[in-house]
Amino acid sequence: MRAEQILANQAHILTQEQREFYFENGYLVVDSIVPKSVIDQARAVTDEMVHRSGNISKSDAIFDVEPGHSPNSPRLRRLTSPVEHHSFYWDFANGLIADVAADLVGPDVKFHHSKLNFKWSDGGEEVKWHQDIQYWPHTNYSPLTIGTYLYDVGPEQGPLGVIPKSHLGPLYNQYDDNGQWVGCLSSSDAANLKAETTQYLTGRAGSITVHNCRAVHGSSANLSVLGRPLLLNVYSSADAFTYTANPLPSQYEGVIVRGKPALWADHDPRPCLVPPDWSEGYTSLFALQQEEEWDADQLETVTRQHHQMRKHDDNDQAR
């Protein structure tokens, strides 16, 4: 569906002004929309996940950790596919924010993937300028990411920064000059961005951020004493179909969370860069952008875990 068709449908959660702002600028912030009781539960469950991450010393397909991570000093960068690891995360993804997604992609909504990025205190790593859709191309550009702040987030914590209206501009090459996937814009492309217009999406606990899959975004390192966990869920219109492997698979990939499945695929005529083949596993956006080397054991572990998740997904769909 095109923007004007979506806007013609009655909204569930957002105002018409908020919807129009999203389509014009490619992003949106809604303050304190998630109830405190739900945020309290999200914090408790997430604390459990952080505790579990203390059992590993190297990143794998579930826990992405910074160098120096340990049980006594956790430096968790990402919990991958949280919907796979606790029922709360799926209930949350299928709740209020799925209604928000319907207000922005149309009444028929498909779930794609989830992740929980931590941006740990005292040096949580930056995320360089990038666009999302090149990681997981769809037949159209309806996909969007809805982030939920579990704690108050100010400018000193490295909040998500989005360049307004960049979703209307070009898609950038996220390979380097040697043809290696780096998952971010080149220094020359980044230098030509209108970085001075960047909007940093701060908010209180329970606030949500939304950004379109084409929007150029990133974040600086977190040099404060406070962490910045951001729970991210990705949705698309039901008529958007993927044509590459999902780098973050789960049993819920492709589940229709609102409305009904599409009988016809919608194809945007604008082309999309194709990523590497993620079917054998995905390392980490952070590791790629920080140019970290993964050893053979790590890669073997990631491949095995990804196969297990995809097998789980296939078995679930067969039932």
Foldseek 3Di string as FASTA:
>chain_A
DDLVVLLVDDADPDDSVQLVQCVQWQKGKDAQPADPVLLVVVVVVVVVVQQVVQVDQDDALAWHFDHPAHNVRHGTFKGFQVVFPDVSLVVVVLPDVVSVLCSHFNQWKWWAGKMKGKLAEQWRAKQAWAFACQQWPKQDFQKKKKKFWSAFDDQLSWAKKWQTPQLVPDHADQADPVRHHLRHHDPVVVVPGPCVRIDGHGHGHNMMMMGTRRIIMITHHRNHNDMTIMIMTMMHGLLIGTDADNQRAALRHGPTSGDDHDPHHDGDPDDHNHDPHCQQHDGDSVCSNVVPDDDPVNSVRRSVVSVVRVVVNVVSVVD
